[in-house]
C-alpha atoms as a PDB file:
ATOM      1  CA  UNK A   1       0.000   0.002  -0.001  1.00  0.00           C
ATOM      2  CA  UNK A   2       1.300   3.451  -0.924  1.00  0.00           C
ATOM      3  CA  UNK A   3       2.381   5.681   1.965  1.00  0.00           C
ATOM      4  CA  UNK A   4       3.823   8.527  -0.118  1.00  0.00           C
ATOM      5  CA  UNK A   5       2.129   9.110  -3.465  1.00  0.00           C
ATOM      6  CA  UNK A   6       3.406  11.490  -6.139  1.00  0.00           C
ATOM      7  CA  UNK A   7       0.895  11.814  -8.948  1.00  0.00           C
ATOM      8  CA  UNK A   8       1.297  13.734 -12.235  1.00  0.00           C
ATOM      9  CA  UNK A   9       3.642  16.175 -10.488  1.00  0.00           C
ATOM     10  CA  UNK A  10       4.735  19.285 -12.355  1.00  0.00           C
ATOM     11  CA  UNK A  11       6.876  22.068 -10.951  1.00  0.00           C
ATOM     12  CA  UNK A  12       7.420  25.184 -13.024  1.00  0.00           C
ATOM     13  CA  UNK A  13       8.737  28.691 -12.421  1.00  0.00           C
ATOM     14  CA  UNK A  14       8.002  32.000 -14.177  1.00  0.00           C
ATOM     15  CA  UNK A  15      10.995  33.573 -15.923  1.00  0.00           C
ATOM     16  CA  UNK A  16      11.440  36.664 -18.105  1.00  0.00           C
ATOM     17  CA  UNK A  17      11.456  34.288 -21.105  1.00  0.00           C
ATOM     18  CA  UNK A  18       8.283  32.492 -20.028  1.00  0.00           C
ATOM     19  CA  UNK A  19       7.456  29.425 -17.992  1.00  0.00           C
ATOM     20  CA  UNK A  20      10.358  27.166 -17.072  1.00  0.00           C
ATOM     21  CA  UNK A  21       9.256  23.581 -16.391  1.00  0.00           C
ATOM     22  CA  UNK A  22      11.643  21.842 -14.018  1.00  0.00           C
ATOM     23  CA  UNK A  23       9.877  18.466 -13.782  1.00  0.00           C
ATOM     24  CA  UNK A  24       6.689  17.087 -15.273  1.00  0.00           C
ATOM     25  CA  UNK A  25       4.590  13.912 -15.271  1.00  0.00           C
ATOM     26  CA  UNK A  26       6.294  12.532 -12.145  1.00  0.00           C
ATOM     27  CA  UNK A  27       4.438   9.485 -10.845  1.00  0.00           C
ATOM     28  CA  UNK A  28       5.823   7.496  -7.933  1.00  0.00           C
ATOM     29  CA  UNK A  29       4.237   5.337  -5.213  1.00  0.00           C
ATOM     30  CA  UNK A  30       6.401   4.693  -2.152  1.00  0.00           C
ATOM     31  CA  UNK A  31       5.609   2.140   0.550  1.00  0.00           C
ATOM     32  CA  UNK A  32       6.083   2.752   4.261  1.00  0.00           C
ATOM     33  CA  UNK A  33       9.584   1.736   5.309  1.00  0.00           C
ATOM     34  CA  UNK A  34      10.961   1.792   1.766  1.00  0.00           C
ATOM     35  CA  UNK A  35      14.306   3.398   0.900  1.00  0.00           C
ATOM     36  CA  UNK A  36      14.202   5.224  -2.430  1.00  0.00           C
ATOM     37  CA  UNK A  37      17.128   6.923  -4.177  1.00  0.00           C
ATOM     38  CA  UNK A  38      16.626   9.576  -6.853  1.00  0.00           C
ATOM     39  CA  UNK A  39      19.573   9.772  -9.223  1.00  0.00           C
ATOM     40  CA  UNK A  40      20.394  11.779 -12.323  1.00  0.00           C
ATOM     41  CA  UNK A  41      22.622  14.489 -13.735  1.00  0.00           C
ATOM     42  CA  UNK A  42      22.866  17.983 -12.243  1.00  0.00           C
ATOM     43  CA  UNK A  43      19.862  20.100 -13.142  1.00  0.00           C
ATOM     44  CA  UNK A  44      17.516  17.164 -13.734  1.00  0.00           C
ATOM     45  CA  UNK A  45      15.095  18.134 -10.951  1.00  0.00           C
ATOM     46  CA  UNK A  46      16.108  15.817  -8.098  1.00  0.00           C
ATOM     47  CA  UNK A  47      16.060  18.543  -5.457  1.00  0.00           C
ATOM     48  CA  UNK A  48      12.889  20.000  -6.961  1.00  0.00           C
ATOM     49  CA  UNK A  49      11.042  16.740  -6.344  1.00  0.00           C
ATOM     50  CA  UNK A  50      12.455  16.500  -2.818  1.00  0.00           C
ATOM     51  CA  UNK A  51      11.437  20.075  -2.053  1.00  0.00           C
ATOM     52  CA  UNK A  52       7.900  19.254  -3.180  1.00  0.00           C
ATOM     53  CA  UNK A  53       7.813  16.289  -0.786  1.00  0.00           C
ATOM     54  CA  UNK A  54       9.234  18.513   1.959  1.00  0.00           C
ATOM     55  CA  UNK A  55       6.511  21.086   1.347  1.00  0.00           C
ATOM     56  CA  UNK A  56       8.970  23.820   0.412  1.00  0.00           C
ATOM     57  CA  UNK A  57       7.687  24.012  -3.179  1.00  0.00           C
ATOM     58  CA  UNK A  58       4.047  24.042  -4.230  1.00  0.00           C
ATOM     59  CA  UNK A  59       3.203  21.866  -7.256  1.00  0.00           C
ATOM     60  CA  UNK A  60       1.992  23.744 -10.303  1.00  0.00           C
ATOM     61  CA  UNK A  61       0.333  20.525 -11.376  1.00  0.00           C
ATOM     62  CA  UNK A  62      -0.487  17.165  -9.821  1.00  0.00           C
ATOM     63  CA  UNK A  63      -0.177  16.304  -6.142  1.00  0.00           C
ATOM     64  CA  UNK A  64       2.047  14.916  -3.383  1.00  0.00           C
ATOM     65  CA  UNK A  65       0.124  12.887  -0.787  1.00  0.00           C
ATOM     66  CA  UNK A  66       1.583  11.550   2.470  1.00  0.00           C
ATOM     67  CA  UNK A  67      -0.457   9.129   4.573  1.00  0.00           C
ATOM     68  CA  UNK A  68      -3.621  10.103   2.654  1.00  0.00           C
ATOM     69  CA  UNK A  69      -3.094  13.853   3.242  1.00  0.00           C
ATOM     70  CA  UNK A  70      -2.093  16.396   0.609  1.00  0.00           C
ATOM     71  CA  UNK A  71       1.235  18.039   1.432  1.00  0.00           C
ATOM     72  CA  UNK A  72       0.660  21.788   1.670  1.00  0.00           C
ATOM     73  CA  UNK A  73       3.822  22.881   3.456  1.00  0.00           C
ATOM     74  CA  UNK A  74       6.641  21.727   5.734  1.00  0.00           C
ATOM     75  CA  UNK A  75       5.712  19.586   8.732  1.00  0.00           C
ATOM     76  CA  UNK A  76       7.186  17.424  11.500  1.00  0.00           C
ATOM     77  CA  UNK A  77       6.101  14.273   9.665  1.00  0.00           C
ATOM     78  CA  UNK A  78       9.085  14.891   7.357  1.00  0.00           C
ATOM     79  CA  UNK A  79      12.677  15.257   8.534  1.00  0.00           C
ATOM     80  CA  UNK A  80      15.381  16.656   6.265  1.00  0.00           C
ATOM     81  CA  UNK A  81      19.139  16.045   6.200  1.00  0.00           C
ATOM     82  CA  UNK A  82      21.108  18.427   3.988  1.00  0.00           C
ATOM     83  CA  UNK A  83      24.621  18.072   2.577  1.00  0.00           C
ATOM     84  CA  UNK A  84      25.792  21.170   4.486  1.00  0.00           C
ATOM     85  CA  UNK A  85      24.586  19.890   7.908  1.00  0.00           C
ATOM     86  CA  UNK A  86      22.550  23.076   8.711  1.00  0.00           C
ATOM     87  CA  UNK A  87      23.580  23.110  12.381  1.00  0.00           C
ATOM     88  CA  UNK A  88      23.311  26.249  14.520  1.00  0.00           C
ATOM     89  CA  UNK A  89      26.970  27.137  15.201  1.00  0.00           C
ATOM     90  CA  UNK A  90      26.320  28.881  18.547  1.00  0.00           C
ATOM     91  CA  UNK A  91      24.531  25.858  20.073  1.00  0.00           C
ATOM     92  CA  UNK A  92      26.110  22.700  21.439  1.00  0.00           C
ATOM     93  CA  UNK A  93      25.525  19.333  19.805  1.00  0.00           C
ATOM     94  CA  UNK A  94      22.936  18.490  22.454  1.00  0.00           C
ATOM     95  CA  UNK A  95      21.091  21.786  22.090  1.00  0.00           C
ATOM     96  CA  UNK A  96      21.029  21.585  18.289  1.00  0.00           C
ATOM     97  CA  UNK A  97      19.012  18.399  18.615  1.00  0.00           C
ATOM     98  CA  UNK A  98      16.977  19.682  21.565  1.00  0.00           C
ATOM     99  CA  UNK A  99      15.802  22.717  19.577  1.00  0.00           C
ATOM    100  CA  UNK A 100      14.253  20.415  16.968  1.00  0.00           C
ATOM    101  CA  UNK A 101      12.692  18.089  19.545  1.00  0.00           C
ATOM    102  CA  UNK A 102      11.363  20.980  21.616  1.00  0.00           C
ATOM    103  CA  UNK A 103       9.647  22.534  18.592  1.00  0.00           C
ATOM    104  CA  UNK A 104       7.624  19.460  17.606  1.00  0.00           C
ATOM    105  CA  UNK A 105       7.325  17.034  20.551  1.00  0.00           C
ATOM    106  CA  UNK A 106       4.374  17.359  22.931  1.00  0.00           C
ATOM    107  CA  UNK A 107       5.944  16.015  26.113  1.00  0.00           C
ATOM    108  CA  UNK A 108       7.754  17.199  29.255  1.00  0.00           C
ATOM    109  CA  UNK A 109      11.171  18.855  29.139  1.00  0.00           C
ATOM    110  CA  UNK A 110      12.691  15.844  30.887  1.00  0.00           C
ATOM    111  CA  UNK A 111      11.215  13.487  28.277  1.00  0.00           C
ATOM    112  CA  UNK A 112      12.556  15.711  25.495  1.00  0.00           C
ATOM    113  CA  UNK A 113      16.043  15.534  26.983  1.00  0.00           C
ATOM    114  CA  UNK A 114      15.710  11.725  27.169  1.00  0.00           C
ATOM    115  CA  UNK A 115      14.892  11.659  23.437  1.00  0.00           C
ATOM    116  CA  UNK A 116      17.949  13.816  22.680  1.00  0.00           C
ATOM    117  CA  UNK A 117      20.284  11.651  24.751  1.00  0.00           C
ATOM    118  CA  UNK A 118      18.898   8.448  23.228  1.00  0.00           C
ATOM    119  CA  UNK A 119      19.561   9.688  19.694  1.00  0.00           C
ATOM    120  CA  UNK A 120      23.014  11.002  20.576  1.00  0.00           C
ATOM    121  CA  UNK A 121      23.926   7.574  21.906  1.00  0.00           C
ATOM    122  CA  UNK A 122      22.564   5.873  18.777  1.00  0.00           C
ATOM    123  CA  UNK A 123      25.046   7.824  16.633  1.00  0.00           C
ATOM    124  CA  UNK A 124      27.880   7.479  19.190  1.00  0.00           C
ATOM    125  CA  UNK A 125      28.075  11.197  19.955  1.00  0.00           C
ATOM    126  CA  UNK A 126      26.997  11.317  23.601  1.00  0.00           C
ATOM    127  CA  UNK A 127      30.556  12.054  24.716  1.00  0.00           C
ATOM    128  CA  UNK A 128      30.607  15.058  22.349  1.00  0.00           C
ATOM    129  CA  UNK A 129      27.253  16.510  23.418  1.00  0.00           C
ATOM    130  CA  UNK A 130      28.756  19.702  24.901  1.00  0.00           C
ATOM    131  CA  UNK A 131      30.863  20.570  21.854  1.00  0.00           C
ATOM    132  CA  UNK A 132      30.012  23.270  19.330  1.00  0.00           C
ATOM    133  CA  UNK A 133      29.647  22.314  15.631  1.00  0.00           C
ATOM    134  CA  UNK A 134      32.912  24.102  14.833  1.00  0.00           C
ATOM    135  CA  UNK A 135      34.738  21.601  17.025  1.00  0.00           C
ATOM    136  CA  UNK A 136      33.481  18.595  15.047  1.00  0.00           C
ATOM    137  CA  UNK A 137      34.677  16.838  11.890  1.00  0.00           C
ATOM    138  CA  UNK A 138      32.453  16.727   8.821  1.00  0.00           C
ATOM    139  CA  UNK A 139      31.337  13.178   9.564  1.00  0.00           C
ATOM    140  CA  UNK A 140      30.482  14.049  13.170  1.00  0.00           C
ATOM    141  CA  UNK A 141      28.461  17.085  12.038  1.00  0.00           C
ATOM    142  CA  UNK A 142      26.487  14.883   9.672  1.00  0.00           C
ATOM    143  CA  UNK A 143      25.846  12.378  12.473  1.00  0.00           C
ATOM    144  CA  UNK A 144      24.388  15.236  14.527  1.00  0.00           C
ATOM    145  CA  UNK A 145      22.164  16.218  11.586  1.00  0.00           C
ATOM    146  CA  UNK A 146      20.976  12.630  11.160  1.00  0.00           C
ATOM    147  CA  UNK A 147      20.333  12.231  14.905  1.00  0.00           C
ATOM    148  CA  UNK A 148      18.343  15.479  14.853  1.00  0.00           C
ATOM    149  CA  UNK A 149      16.216  14.257  11.966  1.00  0.00           C
ATOM    150  CA  UNK A 150      15.506  10.889  13.615  1.00  0.00           C
ATOM    151  CA  UNK A 151      14.842  12.509  17.017  1.00  0.00           C
ATOM    152  CA  UNK A 152      11.651  14.235  15.848  1.00  0.00           C
ATOM    153  CA  UNK A 153      10.398  10.813  14.703  1.00  0.00           C
ATOM    154  CA  UNK A 154       9.231  11.753  11.190  1.00  0.00           C
ATOM    155  CA  UNK A 155       7.402   9.301   8.975  1.00  0.00           C
ATOM    156  CA  UNK A 156       9.613  10.292   6.038  1.00  0.00           C
ATOM    157  CA  UNK A 157      13.310  11.143   6.118  1.00  0.00           C
ATOM    158  CA  UNK A 158      14.478  13.269   3.184  1.00  0.00           C
ATOM    159  CA  UNK A 159      18.218  13.222   2.484  1.00  0.00           C
ATOM    160  CA  UNK A 160      19.610  15.666  -0.071  1.00  0.00           C
ATOM    161  CA  UNK A 161      23.067  14.344  -1.053  1.00  0.00           C
ATOM    162  CA  UNK A 162      23.809  13.902   2.660  1.00  0.00           C
ATOM    163  CA  UNK A 163      27.282  12.406   2.181  1.00  0.00           C
ATOM    164  CA  UNK A 164      28.418  14.341  -0.881  1.00  0.00           C
ATOM    165  CA  UNK A 165      30.929  16.493   1.036  1.00  0.00           C
ATOM    166  CA  UNK A 166      32.514  13.581   2.929  1.00  0.00           C
ATOM    167  CA  UNK A 167      35.587  11.539   2.054  1.00  0.00           C
ATOM    168  CA  UNK A 168      35.056   7.968   0.827  1.00  0.00           C
ATOM    169  CA  UNK A 169      35.809   6.244   4.152  1.00  0.00           C
ATOM    170  CA  UNK A 170      33.586   8.581   6.182  1.00  0.00           C
ATOM    171  CA  UNK A 171      30.850   8.291   3.563  1.00  0.00           C
ATOM    172  CA  UNK A 172      30.876   4.502   3.896  1.00  0.00           C
ATOM    173  CA  UNK A 173      30.548   4.632   7.695  1.00  0.00           C
ATOM    174  CA  UNK A 174      27.705   7.174   7.445  1.00  0.00           C
ATOM    175  CA  UNK A 175      25.767   4.946   5.053  1.00  0.00           C
ATOM    176  CA  UNK A 176      25.979   2.160   7.642  1.00  0.00           C
ATOM    177  CA  UNK A 177      24.920   4.626  10.355  1.00  0.00           C
ATOM    178  CA  UNK A 178      21.719   5.446   8.470  1.00  0.00           C
ATOM    179  CA  UNK A 179      20.928   1.760   7.924  1.00  0.00           C
ATOM    180  CA  UNK A 180      21.569   1.066  11.606  1.00  0.00           C
ATOM    181  CA  UNK A 181      19.115   3.777  12.711  1.00  0.00           C
ATOM    182  CA  UNK A 182      16.556   2.662  10.115  1.00  0.00           C
ATOM    183  CA  UNK A 183      16.858  -0.910  11.411  1.00  0.00           C
ATOM    184  CA  UNK A 184      16.644   0.164  15.087  1.00  0.00           C
ATOM    185  CA  UNK A 185      13.435   1.963  14.165  1.00  0.00           C
ATOM    186  CA  UNK A 186      12.000  -1.387  12.973  1.00  0.00           C
ATOM    187  CA  UNK A 187      12.477  -0.258   9.357  1.00  0.00           C
ATOM    188  CA  UNK A 188       9.332   1.882   9.565  1.00  0.00           C
ATOM    189  CA  UNK A 189      10.972   5.129   8.399  1.00  0.00           C
ATOM    190  CA  UNK A 190      10.504   5.867   4.732  1.00  0.00           C
ATOM    191  CA  UNK A 191      13.712   7.341   3.325  1.00  0.00           C
ATOM    192  CA  UNK A 192      13.963   9.343   0.098  1.00  0.00           C
ATOM    193  CA  UNK A 193      17.540  10.197  -0.814  1.00  0.00           C
ATOM    194  CA  UNK A 194      19.170  12.209  -3.590  1.00  0.00           C
ATOM    195  CA  UNK A 195      22.557  10.967  -4.699  1.00  0.00           C
ATOM    196  CA  UNK A 196      24.966  11.049  -7.637  1.00  0.00           C
ATOM    197  CA  UNK A 197      26.641   7.865  -6.421  1.00  0.00           C
ATOM    198  CA  UNK A 198      25.451   4.655  -8.121  1.00  0.00           C
ATOM    199  CA  UNK A 199      27.173   2.385  -5.597  1.00  0.00           C
ATOM    200  CA  UNK A 200      25.650   4.304  -2.690  1.00  0.00           C
ATOM    201  CA  UNK A 201      22.198   4.009  -4.255  1.00  0.00           C
ATOM    202  CA  UNK A 202      22.631   0.264  -4.783  1.00  0.00           C
ATOM    203  CA  UNK A 203      23.852  -0.325  -1.228  1.00  0.00           C
ATOM    204  CA  UNK A 204      21.063   1.627   0.479  1.00  0.00           C
ATOM    205  CA  UNK A 205      18.003   1.439  -1.734  1.00  0.00           C
ATOM    206  CA  UNK A 206      15.015  -0.761  -2.400  1.00  0.00           C
ATOM    207  CA  UNK A 207      14.379   1.119  -5.647  1.00  0.00           C
ATOM    208  CA  UNK A 208      16.292   3.717  -7.657  1.00  0.00           C
ATOM    209  CA  UNK A 209      14.459   6.425  -9.611  1.00  0.00           C
ATOM    210  CA  UNK A 210      16.503   7.517 -12.647  1.00  0.00           C
ATOM    211  CA  UNK A 211      15.560  10.905 -14.097  1.00  0.00           C
ATOM    212  CA  UNK A 212      15.945  12.241 -17.614  1.00  0.00           C
ATOM    213  CA  UNK A 213      18.066  15.352 -18.035  1.00  0.00           C
ATOM    214  CA  UNK A 214      16.246  18.637 -17.493  1.00  0.00           C
ATOM    215  CA  UNK A 215      14.520  20.884 -18.166  1.00  0.00           C
ATOM    216  CA  UNK A 216      11.034  19.350 -18.135  1.00  0.00           C
ATOM    217  CA  UNK A 217      12.585  16.249 -16.624  1.00  0.00           C
ATOM    218  CA  UNK A 218      10.572  13.057 -16.291  1.00  0.00           C
ATOM    219  CA  UNK A 219      11.267   9.641 -14.822  1.00  0.00           C
ATOM    220  CA  UNK A 220      13.366   7.594 -17.225  1.00  0.00           C
ATOM    221  CA  UNK A 221      13.196   4.321 -15.316  1.00  0.00           C
ATOM    222  CA  UNK A 222      12.568   2.937 -11.827  1.00  0.00           C
ATOM    223  CA  UNK A 223      15.072   0.196 -11.045  1.00  0.00           C
ATOM    224  CA  UNK A 224      14.229  -2.366  -8.362  1.00  0.00           C
ATOM    225  CA  UNK A 225      17.205  -3.438  -6.222  1.00  0.00           C
ATOM    226  CA  UNK A 226      16.551  -7.089  -5.352  1.00  0.00           C
ATOM    227  CA  UNK A 227      19.622  -7.526  -3.189  1.00  0.00           C
ATOM    228  CA  UNK A 228      18.927  -9.248   0.155  1.00  0.00           C
ATOM    229  CA  UNK A 229      19.323  -7.338   3.419  1.00  0.00           C
ATOM    230  CA  UNK A 230      21.405  -6.910   5.486  1.00  0.00           C
ATOM    231  CA  UNK A 231      23.895  -6.012   2.754  1.00  0.00           C
ATOM    232  CA  UNK A 232      27.610  -6.513   3.166  1.00  0.00           C
ATOM    233  CA  UNK A 233      29.544  -3.970   1.100  1.00  0.00           C
ATOM    234  CA  UNK A 234      32.419  -6.330   0.362  1.00  0.00           C
ATOM    235  CA  UNK A 235      30.235  -9.289  -0.565  1.00  0.00           C
ATOM    236  CA  UNK A 236      27.438  -7.754  -2.648  1.00  0.00           C
ATOM    237  CA  UNK A 237      29.781  -6.121  -5.171  1.00  0.00           C
ATOM    238  CA  UNK A 238      30.920  -9.614  -6.218  1.00  0.00           C
ATOM    239  CA  UNK A 239      27.419 -10.904  -6.980  1.00  0.00           C
ATOM    240  CA  UNK A 240      26.142 -11.153 -10.569  1.00  0.00           C
ATOM    241  CA  UNK A 241      22.946  -9.336  -9.539  1.00  0.00           C
ATOM    242  CA  UNK A 242      24.892  -6.332  -8.247  1.00  0.00           C
ATOM    243  CA  UNK A 243      27.143  -6.194 -11.305  1.00  0.00           C
ATOM    244  CA  UNK A 244      24.151  -6.363 -13.643  1.00  0.00           C
ATOM    245  CA  UNK A 245      22.330  -3.551 -11.767  1.00  0.00           C
ATOM    246  CA  UNK A 246      25.429  -1.360 -11.654  1.00  0.00           C
ATOM    247  CA  UNK A 247      26.125  -1.786 -15.367  1.00  0.00           C
ATOM    248  CA  UNK A 248      22.485  -1.074 -16.213  1.00  0.00           C
ATOM    249  CA  UNK A 249      22.522   2.154 -14.186  1.00  0.00           C
ATOM    250  CA  UNK A 250      25.823   3.189 -15.760  1.00  0.00           C
ATOM    251  CA  UNK A 251      24.313   2.768 -19.235  1.00  0.00           C
ATOM    252  CA  UNK A 252      21.277   4.821 -18.209  1.00  0.00           C
ATOM    253  CA  UNK A 253      23.399   7.660 -16.829  1.00  0.00           C
ATOM    254  CA  UNK A 254      26.616   7.656 -18.867  1.00  0.00           C
ATOM    255  CA  UNK A 255      27.146   8.697 -22.487  1.00  0.00           C
ATOM    256  CA  UNK A 256      30.861   7.891 -22.747  1.00  0.00           C
ATOM    257  CA  UNK A 257      32.838   5.028 -21.215  1.00  0.00           C
ATOM    258  CA  UNK A 258      36.280   5.830 -22.652  1.00  0.00           C
ATOM    259  CA  UNK A 259      38.026   8.676 -24.449  1.00  0.00           C
ATOM    260  CA  UNK A 260      37.524   6.769 -27.702  1.00  0.00           C
ATOM    261  CA  UNK A 261      33.744   7.106 -27.209  1.00  0.00           C
ATOM    262  CA  UNK A 262      34.399  10.863 -27.298  1.00  0.00           C
ATOM    263  CA  UNK A 263      36.124  10.643 -30.659  1.00  0.00           C
ATOM    264  CA  UNK A 264      39.640  10.839 -29.194  1.00  0.00           C
ATOM    265  CA  UNK A 265      42.324   8.440 -30.451  1.00  0.00           C
ATOM    266  CA  UNK A 266      44.533   7.044 -27.711  1.00  0.00           C
ATOM    267  CA  UNK A 267      48.207   7.711 -28.473  1.00  0.00           C
ATOM    268  CA  UNK A 268      50.708   5.020 -27.539  1.00  0.00           C
END
């Protein structure tokens, strides 16, 4: 059964040269607890679709429905993790998370603090709770942002290239961190993630939405990732199923595979 339903979505913007259509005819049904990656080239409308789900953009056509309710603006039923962390630099790690919890949770102050501490411990940051964001590494900042998003207990977690600014090793540990929290939450959180990384999408996702290039971008293909969970990064890359999926996605997203495909002769 669909939990998040995008139907005939169009987002356009007025410009001096007329209407600019960013995305059109977007249709996508997402089940509760599903992890979806949206992938495509820069400018293809990935963030536009995510902003519509987040309620930060109003559709010019079609609808976005969450749990049988039309999305009309931002709300606590959707948490967002950005690439740039979006932490308040003058607040400690603990208070960055508390501010979010305090704004949406209807419970006592003591219970709110318990929620904050629980989520800090889940991302192994309890011992850093009194530090300011400027005292943290990039990976630690992103763990704070993820803990903050999970702490408000949203039905949908939106992740806009959350690991794009991290080095490869930190990125890999953060992907596991997200899966750990998703699993601890009984896999009930629906996650929609934007990424440029095919391997990241394959490791995390149940399905991958591939977009055409913009403007007026549409869905090119929705690829189902039938790789059993839990996934081991070292093992799955050796499987024929993984190799087939990766090669298929590469062909969907890549025009050239060598300099010879670009009309350049290799000189010995």
